[in-house]
């Protein structure tokens, strides 16, 4: 990945305990097989390795979400929490690591763990489109190494959010095309942006009462604006242009919001405050 000058990749050691080994039900096996096929076909990427899927209880899922948050940037989130508290964005003492893990646990019944190389599924979850979304993340990981994309030092919040936007935007793009078929590609970009805004406005109302706006708006940016950005790139150059996003990611959230700035390689300006 292209990183900011002076940035160095920092390998992350896997320190998570092993997941429980449980057989999947015939229904889940069928859903997994369909999700594998649809994600690979729409994303135009082949599977390199087998991807596991583990069904967890709600408590196990929440515990794993917290372990993943700690391993994937716990210290950076703590620093961001202190900065947010100093600026009055979040209450003093807010633990963004725990909040982020709780947010993941309540906002989605499935997730892909790049540390486990598996789809983690809450017991009795049956959202096939969501599972397809998570298998897109597994494809991304096999072809572009998500850990290398996400764990970069020195940490830059804005750049990291831009990377998250292409990761989630790519998966959402496949999910929307799986849901809507060819009609999705015929819709105007304005219509797509309007639809995503409406969907996440409802989400903000439903989930926003439990979490601070900083967390909610960061999440919505990744999905809503990431989806629109990736579709703009896909219409310009197809799936191989989307691949290029992972090789040369956007440098800032501004490029996600204004795709022309990415196409023109207009980089963000550093602002120094004395």
C-alpha atoms as a PDB file:
ATOM      1  CA  UNK A   1       0.000   0.000   0.000  1.00  0.00           C
ATOM      2  CA  UNK A   2       1.066   3.581  -0.512  1.00  0.00           C
ATOM      3  CA  UNK A   3       1.689   5.132   2.884  1.00  0.00           C
ATOM      4  CA  UNK A   4       2.530   8.641   3.922  1.00  0.00           C
ATOM      5  CA  UNK A   5       6.240   9.570   3.920  1.00  0.00           C
ATOM      6  CA  UNK A   6       8.063   8.021   6.811  1.00  0.00           C
ATOM      7  CA  UNK A   7       5.317   5.497   7.494  1.00  0.00           C
ATOM      8  CA  UNK A   8       6.443   1.990   8.298  1.00  0.00           C
ATOM      9  CA  UNK A   9       4.489  -1.223   8.310  1.00  0.00           C
ATOM     10  CA  UNK A  10       4.240  -2.793  11.710  1.00  0.00           C
ATOM     11  CA  UNK A  11       3.512  -6.526  11.777  1.00  0.00           C
ATOM     12  CA  UNK A  12       0.794  -7.580  14.161  1.00  0.00           C
ATOM     13  CA  UNK A  13       1.306 -10.762  16.115  1.00  0.00           C
ATOM     14  CA  UNK A  14      -1.704 -12.976  16.449  1.00  0.00           C
ATOM     15  CA  UNK A  15      -2.383 -13.322  20.140  1.00  0.00           C
ATOM     16  CA  UNK A  16      -6.047 -14.281  20.090  1.00  0.00           C
ATOM     17  CA  UNK A  17      -7.166 -17.556  21.648  1.00  0.00           C
ATOM     18  CA  UNK A  18      -8.419 -20.205  19.209  1.00  0.00           C
ATOM     19  CA  UNK A  19     -12.031 -20.156  18.122  1.00  0.00           C
ATOM     20  CA  UNK A  20     -14.345 -23.017  19.068  1.00  0.00           C
ATOM     21  CA  UNK A  21     -14.627 -25.772  16.475  1.00  0.00           C
ATOM     22  CA  UNK A  22     -18.267 -26.471  15.651  1.00  0.00           C
ATOM     23  CA  UNK A  23     -19.895 -28.068  12.615  1.00  0.00           C
ATOM     24  CA  UNK A  24     -22.140 -25.785  10.579  1.00  0.00           C
ATOM     25  CA  UNK A  25     -25.751 -26.749  10.026  1.00  0.00           C
ATOM     26  CA  UNK A  26     -26.797 -27.852   6.508  1.00  0.00           C
ATOM     27  CA  UNK A  27     -28.615 -24.514   6.117  1.00  0.00           C
ATOM     28  CA  UNK A  28     -25.484 -22.529   6.975  1.00  0.00           C
ATOM     29  CA  UNK A  29     -23.356 -24.687   4.686  1.00  0.00           C
ATOM     30  CA  UNK A  30     -25.711 -23.931   1.792  1.00  0.00           C
ATOM     31  CA  UNK A  31     -25.693 -20.212   2.603  1.00  0.00           C
ATOM     32  CA  UNK A  32     -21.893 -20.242   2.815  1.00  0.00           C
ATOM     33  CA  UNK A  33     -21.606 -21.952  -0.587  1.00  0.00           C
ATOM     34  CA  UNK A  34     -23.881 -19.390  -2.241  1.00  0.00           C
ATOM     35  CA  UNK A  35     -22.060 -16.470  -0.614  1.00  0.00           C
ATOM     36  CA  UNK A  36     -18.702 -17.838  -1.755  1.00  0.00           C
ATOM     37  CA  UNK A  37     -19.918 -18.071  -5.343  1.00  0.00           C
ATOM     38  CA  UNK A  38     -21.688 -14.704  -5.494  1.00  0.00           C
ATOM     39  CA  UNK A  39     -18.882 -12.720  -3.875  1.00  0.00           C
ATOM     40  CA  UNK A  40     -16.243 -14.226  -6.176  1.00  0.00           C
ATOM     41  CA  UNK A  41     -18.350 -13.797  -9.329  1.00  0.00           C
ATOM     42  CA  UNK A  42     -19.392 -10.199  -8.725  1.00  0.00           C
ATOM     43  CA  UNK A  43     -15.978  -9.113  -7.472  1.00  0.00           C
ATOM     44  CA  UNK A  44     -14.232 -11.013 -10.307  1.00  0.00           C
ATOM     45  CA  UNK A  45     -11.604 -12.464  -7.979  1.00  0.00           C
ATOM     46  CA  UNK A  46     -10.802 -16.142  -7.469  1.00  0.00           C
ATOM     47  CA  UNK A  47     -10.441 -17.792  -4.099  1.00  0.00           C
ATOM     48  CA  UNK A  48      -6.854 -18.610  -3.202  1.00  0.00           C
ATOM     49  CA  UNK A  49      -7.546 -20.459   0.040  1.00  0.00           C
ATOM     50  CA  UNK A  50     -10.403 -21.991   1.965  1.00  0.00           C
ATOM     51  CA  UNK A  51     -12.281 -19.546   4.201  1.00  0.00           C
ATOM     52  CA  UNK A  52     -13.758 -20.885   7.401  1.00  0.00           C
ATOM     53  CA  UNK A  53     -17.008 -19.810   9.008  1.00  0.00           C
ATOM     54  CA  UNK A  54     -17.649 -20.175  12.734  1.00  0.00           C
ATOM     55  CA  UNK A  55     -20.965 -19.771  14.534  1.00  0.00           C
ATOM     56  CA  UNK A  56     -20.618 -18.078  17.926  1.00  0.00           C
ATOM     57  CA  UNK A  57     -22.932 -17.297  20.800  1.00  0.00           C
ATOM     58  CA  UNK A  58     -23.712 -13.637  21.405  1.00  0.00           C
ATOM     59  CA  UNK A  59     -21.284 -13.563  24.330  1.00  0.00           C
ATOM     60  CA  UNK A  60     -18.512 -15.241  22.303  1.00  0.00           C
ATOM     61  CA  UNK A  61     -19.099 -12.843  19.405  1.00  0.00           C
ATOM     62  CA  UNK A  62     -18.875  -9.792  21.661  1.00  0.00           C
ATOM     63  CA  UNK A  63     -15.732 -11.114  23.323  1.00  0.00           C
ATOM     64  CA  UNK A  64     -14.069 -11.709  19.964  1.00  0.00           C
ATOM     65  CA  UNK A  65     -15.064  -8.248  18.767  1.00  0.00           C
ATOM     66  CA  UNK A  66     -13.280  -6.740  21.779  1.00  0.00           C
ATOM     67  CA  UNK A  67     -10.179  -8.889  21.206  1.00  0.00           C
ATOM     68  CA  UNK A  68     -10.076  -7.815  17.552  1.00  0.00           C
ATOM     69  CA  UNK A  69     -10.444  -4.134  18.466  1.00  0.00           C
ATOM     70  CA  UNK A  70      -7.544  -4.406  20.915  1.00  0.00           C
ATOM     71  CA  UNK A  71      -5.291  -6.157  18.382  1.00  0.00           C
ATOM     72  CA  UNK A  72      -6.145  -3.925  15.416  1.00  0.00           C
ATOM     73  CA  UNK A  73      -5.475  -0.561  17.037  1.00  0.00           C
ATOM     74  CA  UNK A  74      -6.393  -0.452  20.684  1.00  0.00           C
ATOM     75  CA  UNK A  75      -3.781   2.131  21.657  1.00  0.00           C
ATOM     76  CA  UNK A  76      -4.647   4.412  18.734  1.00  0.00           C
ATOM     77  CA  UNK A  77      -8.331   4.301  19.671  1.00  0.00           C
ATOM     78  CA  UNK A  78      -7.482   5.150  23.273  1.00  0.00           C
ATOM     79  CA  UNK A  79      -5.441   8.148  22.107  1.00  0.00           C
ATOM     80  CA  UNK A  80      -8.294   9.221  19.840  1.00  0.00           C
ATOM     81  CA  UNK A  81     -10.693   8.926  22.776  1.00  0.00           C
ATOM     82  CA  UNK A  82      -8.511  11.217  24.887  1.00  0.00           C
ATOM     83  CA  UNK A  83      -8.279  13.699  22.013  1.00  0.00           C
ATOM     84  CA  UNK A  84     -12.043  13.564  21.506  1.00  0.00           C
ATOM     85  CA  UNK A  85     -12.628  14.149  25.214  1.00  0.00           C
ATOM     86  CA  UNK A  86     -10.265  17.141  25.192  1.00  0.00           C
ATOM     87  CA  UNK A  87     -12.240  18.609  22.296  1.00  0.00           C
ATOM     88  CA  UNK A  88     -15.606  17.905  23.874  1.00  0.00           C
ATOM     89  CA  UNK A  89     -16.576  15.379  21.188  1.00  0.00           C
ATOM     90  CA  UNK A  90     -16.935  12.439  23.590  1.00  0.00           C
ATOM     91  CA  UNK A  91     -17.348  12.384  27.396  1.00  0.00           C
ATOM     92  CA  UNK A  92     -14.221  12.322  29.553  1.00  0.00           C
ATOM     93  CA  UNK A  93     -13.022   8.767  30.165  1.00  0.00           C
ATOM     94  CA  UNK A  94     -14.706   7.305  27.066  1.00  0.00           C
ATOM     95  CA  UNK A  95     -13.104   3.983  26.105  1.00  0.00           C
ATOM     96  CA  UNK A  96     -13.378   3.910  22.306  1.00  0.00           C
ATOM     97  CA  UNK A  97     -11.928   0.389  22.188  1.00  0.00           C
ATOM     98  CA  UNK A  98     -14.753  -1.078  24.252  1.00  0.00           C
ATOM     99  CA  UNK A  99     -17.307   1.166  22.566  1.00  0.00           C
ATOM    100  CA  UNK A 100     -16.085   0.134  19.120  1.00  0.00           C
ATOM    101  CA  UNK A 101     -16.271  -3.542  20.033  1.00  0.00           C
ATOM    102  CA  UNK A 102     -19.780  -3.103  21.450  1.00  0.00           C
ATOM    103  CA  UNK A 103     -20.773  -1.188  18.342  1.00  0.00           C
ATOM    104  CA  UNK A 104     -19.593  -4.037  16.114  1.00  0.00           C
ATOM    105  CA  UNK A 105     -21.407  -6.592  18.228  1.00  0.00           C
ATOM    106  CA  UNK A 106     -24.786  -4.832  18.070  1.00  0.00           C
ATOM    107  CA  UNK A 107     -24.623  -3.435  14.521  1.00  0.00           C
ATOM    108  CA  UNK A 108     -23.901  -6.623  12.563  1.00  0.00           C
ATOM    109  CA  UNK A 109     -24.569 -10.314  13.058  1.00  0.00           C
ATOM    110  CA  UNK A 110     -21.493 -11.338  11.054  1.00  0.00           C
ATOM    111  CA  UNK A 111     -17.957 -10.068  10.551  1.00  0.00           C
ATOM    112  CA  UNK A 112     -14.730 -11.148   8.867  1.00  0.00           C
ATOM    113  CA  UNK A 113     -11.717 -11.481  11.140  1.00  0.00           C
ATOM    114  CA  UNK A 114      -8.396 -10.941   9.318  1.00  0.00           C
ATOM    115  CA  UNK A 115      -6.686 -12.374  12.392  1.00  0.00           C
ATOM    116  CA  UNK A 116      -8.649 -15.630  12.284  1.00  0.00           C
ATOM    117  CA  UNK A 117      -9.109 -15.698   8.484  1.00  0.00           C
ATOM    118  CA  UNK A 118     -12.716 -16.652   9.146  1.00  0.00           C
ATOM    119  CA  UNK A 119     -16.244 -15.329   8.939  1.00  0.00           C
ATOM    120  CA  UNK A 120     -17.663 -15.031  12.452  1.00  0.00           C
ATOM    121  CA  UNK A 121     -21.415 -15.459  12.669  1.00  0.00           C
ATOM    122  CA  UNK A 122     -23.727 -14.852  15.603  1.00  0.00           C
ATOM    123  CA  UNK A 123     -25.774 -17.906  16.520  1.00  0.00           C
ATOM    124  CA  UNK A 124     -28.915 -18.230  14.362  1.00  0.00           C
ATOM    125  CA  UNK A 125     -28.008 -15.310  12.093  1.00  0.00           C
ATOM    126  CA  UNK A 126     -29.428 -15.813   8.583  1.00  0.00           C
ATOM    127  CA  UNK A 127     -28.695 -12.633   6.597  1.00  0.00           C
ATOM    128  CA  UNK A 128     -27.234 -14.090   3.402  1.00  0.00           C
ATOM    129  CA  UNK A 129     -26.441 -10.707   1.846  1.00  0.00           C
ATOM    130  CA  UNK A 130     -24.465  -9.743   4.944  1.00  0.00           C
ATOM    131  CA  UNK A 131     -22.548 -13.024   4.781  1.00  0.00           C
ATOM    132  CA  UNK A 132     -21.787 -12.303   1.109  1.00  0.00           C
ATOM    133  CA  UNK A 133     -20.498  -8.879   2.202  1.00  0.00           C
ATOM    134  CA  UNK A 134     -18.161 -10.533   4.710  1.00  0.00           C
ATOM    135  CA  UNK A 135     -16.852 -12.991   2.134  1.00  0.00           C
ATOM    136  CA  UNK A 136     -15.863  -9.989   0.000  1.00  0.00           C
ATOM    137  CA  UNK A 137     -13.641  -8.961   2.911  1.00  0.00           C
ATOM    138  CA  UNK A 138     -12.100 -12.434   2.852  1.00  0.00           C
ATOM    139  CA  UNK A 139     -11.378 -12.008  -0.870  1.00  0.00           C
ATOM    140  CA  UNK A 140      -9.806  -8.613  -0.172  1.00  0.00           C
ATOM    141  CA  UNK A 141      -7.626 -10.170   2.483  1.00  0.00           C
ATOM    142  CA  UNK A 142      -6.443 -12.998   0.249  1.00  0.00           C
ATOM    143  CA  UNK A 143      -5.561 -10.677  -2.627  1.00  0.00           C
ATOM    144  CA  UNK A 144      -4.474  -7.463  -0.893  1.00  0.00           C
ATOM    145  CA  UNK A 145      -3.604  -8.312   2.748  1.00  0.00           C
ATOM    146  CA  UNK A 146      -5.949  -6.303   4.950  1.00  0.00           C
ATOM    147  CA  UNK A 147      -3.581  -6.269   7.912  1.00  0.00           C
ATOM    148  CA  UNK A 148      -0.897  -4.580   5.840  1.00  0.00           C
ATOM    149  CA  UNK A 149      -3.419  -1.977   4.715  1.00  0.00           C
ATOM    150  CA  UNK A 150      -4.794  -1.246   8.161  1.00  0.00           C
ATOM    151  CA  UNK A 151      -1.804  -1.478  10.483  1.00  0.00           C
ATOM    152  CA  UNK A 152       0.468   1.351   9.365  1.00  0.00           C
ATOM    153  CA  UNK A 153       2.715   3.513  11.543  1.00  0.00           C
ATOM    154  CA  UNK A 154       2.726   6.375  12.233  1.00  0.00           C
ATOM    155  CA  UNK A 155      -1.038   6.237  12.707  1.00  0.00           C
ATOM    156  CA  UNK A 156      -3.031   8.759  10.675  1.00  0.00           C
ATOM    157  CA  UNK A 157      -6.744   8.772  11.478  1.00  0.00           C
ATOM    158  CA  UNK A 158      -7.888  10.438   8.251  1.00  0.00           C
ATOM    159  CA  UNK A 159      -5.848   8.138   6.019  1.00  0.00           C
ATOM    160  CA  UNK A 160      -7.016   5.077   7.954  1.00  0.00           C
ATOM    161  CA  UNK A 161     -10.647   6.120   7.514  1.00  0.00           C
ATOM    162  CA  UNK A 162     -10.082   6.474   3.762  1.00  0.00           C
ATOM    163  CA  UNK A 163      -8.725   2.917   3.695  1.00  0.00           C
ATOM    164  CA  UNK A 164     -11.680   1.659   5.728  1.00  0.00           C
ATOM    165  CA  UNK A 165     -13.979   3.396   3.229  1.00  0.00           C
ATOM    166  CA  UNK A 166     -12.621   1.420   0.279  1.00  0.00           C
ATOM    167  CA  UNK A 167     -12.692  -1.833   2.263  1.00  0.00           C
ATOM    168  CA  UNK A 168     -16.307  -1.379   3.346  1.00  0.00           C
ATOM    169  CA  UNK A 169     -17.365   0.418   0.172  1.00  0.00           C
ATOM    170  CA  UNK A 170     -16.145  -2.488  -1.959  1.00  0.00           C
ATOM    171  CA  UNK A 171     -18.043  -5.030   0.138  1.00  0.00           C
ATOM    172  CA  UNK A 172     -21.177  -2.856   0.204  1.00  0.00           C
ATOM    173  CA  UNK A 173     -20.951  -2.419  -3.565  1.00  0.00           C
ATOM    174  CA  UNK A 174     -20.994  -6.185  -4.089  1.00  0.00           C
ATOM    175  CA  UNK A 175     -23.800  -6.538  -1.545  1.00  0.00           C
ATOM    176  CA  UNK A 176     -25.941  -3.942  -3.337  1.00  0.00           C
ATOM    177  CA  UNK A 177     -25.355  -5.568  -6.730  1.00  0.00           C
ATOM    178  CA  UNK A 178     -26.262  -8.949  -5.256  1.00  0.00           C
ATOM    179  CA  UNK A 179     -29.477  -7.442  -3.873  1.00  0.00           C
ATOM    180  CA  UNK A 180     -30.497  -5.396  -6.918  1.00  0.00           C
ATOM    181  CA  UNK A 181     -28.905  -7.188  -9.873  1.00  0.00           C
ATOM    182  CA  UNK A 182     -28.146  -5.325 -13.104  1.00  0.00           C
ATOM    183  CA  UNK A 183     -30.509  -2.506 -12.127  1.00  0.00           C
ATOM    184  CA  UNK A 184     -27.886  -1.173  -9.713  1.00  0.00           C
ATOM    185  CA  UNK A 185     -25.453  -0.377 -12.519  1.00  0.00           C
ATOM    186  CA  UNK A 186     -28.141   1.551 -14.408  1.00  0.00           C
ATOM    187  CA  UNK A 187     -28.947   3.864 -11.544  1.00  0.00           C
ATOM    188  CA  UNK A 188     -27.473   7.349 -11.474  1.00  0.00           C
ATOM    189  CA  UNK A 189     -24.734   8.129  -8.973  1.00  0.00           C
ATOM    190  CA  UNK A 190     -27.044  10.756  -7.478  1.00  0.00           C
ATOM    191  CA  UNK A 191     -29.727   8.115  -6.908  1.00  0.00           C
ATOM    192  CA  UNK A 192     -27.209   5.765  -5.302  1.00  0.00           C
ATOM    193  CA  UNK A 193     -25.978   8.538  -2.999  1.00  0.00           C
ATOM    194  CA  UNK A 194     -29.556   9.432  -2.070  1.00  0.00           C
ATOM    195  CA  UNK A 195     -30.451   5.806  -1.317  1.00  0.00           C
ATOM    196  CA  UNK A 196     -27.419   5.280   0.912  1.00  0.00           C
ATOM    197  CA  UNK A 197     -28.099   8.539   2.751  1.00  0.00           C
ATOM    198  CA  UNK A 198     -31.690   7.465   3.430  1.00  0.00           C
ATOM    199  CA  UNK A 199     -30.667   4.012   4.616  1.00  0.00           C
ATOM    200  CA  UNK A 200     -28.063   5.306   7.011  1.00  0.00           C
ATOM    201  CA  UNK A 201     -30.296   8.102   8.274  1.00  0.00           C
ATOM    202  CA  UNK A 202     -32.609   5.385   9.561  1.00  0.00           C
ATOM    203  CA  UNK A 203     -29.623   3.538  10.989  1.00  0.00           C
ATOM    204  CA  UNK A 204     -28.495   6.722  12.763  1.00  0.00           C
ATOM    205  CA  UNK A 205     -31.909   7.001  14.394  1.00  0.00           C
ATOM    206  CA  UNK A 206     -32.021   3.356  15.487  1.00  0.00           C
ATOM    207  CA  UNK A 207     -28.466   2.928  16.799  1.00  0.00           C
ATOM    208  CA  UNK A 208     -27.414   6.514  17.461  1.00  0.00           C
ATOM    209  CA  UNK A 209     -29.109   6.726  20.837  1.00  0.00           C
ATOM    210  CA  UNK A 210     -26.670   4.166  22.252  1.00  0.00           C
ATOM    211  CA  UNK A 211     -23.341   5.494  20.930  1.00  0.00           C
ATOM    212  CA  UNK A 212     -21.590   8.885  20.625  1.00  0.00           C
ATOM    213  CA  UNK A 213     -21.910  10.756  17.302  1.00  0.00           C
ATOM    214  CA  UNK A 214     -18.156  10.373  16.636  1.00  0.00           C
ATOM    215  CA  UNK A 215     -18.534   6.602  16.395  1.00  0.00           C
ATOM    216  CA  UNK A 216     -21.809   6.681  14.461  1.00  0.00           C
ATOM    217  CA  UNK A 217     -20.650   9.211  11.860  1.00  0.00           C
ATOM    218  CA  UNK A 218     -17.301   7.470  11.373  1.00  0.00           C
ATOM    219  CA  UNK A 219     -19.112   4.198  10.718  1.00  0.00           C
ATOM    220  CA  UNK A 220     -21.610   5.806   8.340  1.00  0.00           C
ATOM    221  CA  UNK A 221     -18.822   7.517   6.391  1.00  0.00           C
ATOM    222  CA  UNK A 222     -17.090   4.202   5.754  1.00  0.00           C
ATOM    223  CA  UNK A 223     -20.203   2.543   4.386  1.00  0.00           C
ATOM    224  CA  UNK A 224     -22.298   5.313   2.826  1.00  0.00           C
ATOM    225  CA  UNK A 225     -19.523   7.366   1.243  1.00  0.00           C
ATOM    226  CA  UNK A 226     -17.310   4.344   0.614  1.00  0.00           C
ATOM    227  CA  UNK A 227     -20.093   2.672  -1.394  1.00  0.00           C
ATOM    228  CA  UNK A 228     -20.574   5.719  -3.584  1.00  0.00           C
ATOM    229  CA  UNK A 229     -16.833   6.171  -4.091  1.00  0.00           C
ATOM    230  CA  UNK A 230     -16.215   2.545  -5.081  1.00  0.00           C
ATOM    231  CA  UNK A 231     -19.122   2.582  -7.537  1.00  0.00           C
ATOM    232  CA  UNK A 232     -17.686   5.740  -9.143  1.00  0.00           C
ATOM    233  CA  UNK A 233     -14.353   3.949  -9.543  1.00  0.00           C
ATOM    234  CA  UNK A 234     -15.985   0.756 -10.834  1.00  0.00           C
ATOM    235  CA  UNK A 235     -17.923   2.657 -13.490  1.00  0.00           C
ATOM    236  CA  UNK A 236     -14.731   4.320 -14.605  1.00  0.00           C
ATOM    237  CA  UNK A 237     -12.570   1.192 -14.900  1.00  0.00           C
ATOM    238  CA  UNK A 238     -14.377  -1.959 -13.776  1.00  0.00           C
ATOM    239  CA  UNK A 239     -13.238  -4.387 -11.099  1.00  0.00           C
ATOM    240  CA  UNK A 240      -9.562  -3.978 -11.954  1.00  0.00           C
ATOM    241  CA  UNK A 241      -9.847  -0.283 -11.127  1.00  0.00           C
ATOM    242  CA  UNK A 242     -11.295  -1.313  -7.761  1.00  0.00           C
ATOM    243  CA  UNK A 243      -8.281  -3.597  -7.303  1.00  0.00           C
ATOM    244  CA  UNK A 244      -6.074  -0.568  -7.875  1.00  0.00           C
ATOM    245  CA  UNK A 245      -7.673   1.146  -4.877  1.00  0.00           C
ATOM    246  CA  UNK A 246      -6.101  -1.470  -2.628  1.00  0.00           C
ATOM    247  CA  UNK A 247      -2.694  -1.056  -4.268  1.00  0.00           C
ATOM    248  CA  UNK A 248      -2.808   2.754  -4.216  1.00  0.00           C
ATOM    249  CA  UNK A 249      -5.421   3.736  -1.621  1.00  0.00           C
ATOM    250  CA  UNK A 250      -6.939   7.200  -1.356  1.00  0.00           C
ATOM    251  CA  UNK A 251      -4.780   9.469   0.764  1.00  0.00           C
ATOM    252  CA  UNK A 252      -7.602  11.149   2.652  1.00  0.00           C
ATOM    253  CA  UNK A 253     -11.305  11.172   3.422  1.00  0.00           C
ATOM    254  CA  UNK A 254     -11.546  14.202   1.115  1.00  0.00           C
ATOM    255  CA  UNK A 255     -10.741  11.961  -1.849  1.00  0.00           C
ATOM    256  CA  UNK A 256     -13.531   9.594  -0.793  1.00  0.00           C
ATOM    257  CA  UNK A 257     -16.019  12.466  -0.647  1.00  0.00           C
ATOM    258  CA  UNK A 258     -14.751  13.941  -3.930  1.00  0.00           C
ATOM    259  CA  UNK A 259     -13.651  11.082  -6.252  1.00  0.00           C
ATOM    260  CA  UNK A 260     -12.294  13.516  -8.853  1.00  0.00           C
ATOM    261  CA  UNK A 261      -9.590  14.472  -6.368  1.00  0.00           C
ATOM    262  CA  UNK A 262      -8.533  10.808  -6.266  1.00  0.00           C
ATOM    263  CA  UNK A 263      -8.588  10.470 -10.058  1.00  0.00           C
ATOM    264  CA  UNK A 264      -6.492  13.645 -10.343  1.00  0.00           C
ATOM    265  CA  UNK A 265      -4.159  12.492  -7.525  1.00  0.00           C
ATOM    266  CA  UNK A 266      -4.831  15.698  -5.614  1.00  0.00           C
ATOM    267  CA  UNK A 267      -3.195  14.977  -2.263  1.00  0.00           C
ATOM    268  CA  UNK A 268      -4.257  16.578   1.030  1.00  0.00           C
ATOM    269  CA  UNK A 269      -2.270  19.470   2.433  1.00  0.00           C
ATOM    270  CA  UNK A 270      -0.661  19.134   5.833  1.00  0.00           C
ATOM    271  CA  UNK A 271      -1.781  21.736   8.348  1.00  0.00           C
ATOM    272  CA  UNK A 272       0.573  22.526  11.227  1.00  0.00           C
ATOM    273  CA  UNK A 273      -0.683  24.256  14.344  1.00  0.00           C
ATOM    274  CA  UNK A 274       1.851  25.941  16.618  1.00  0.00           C
END
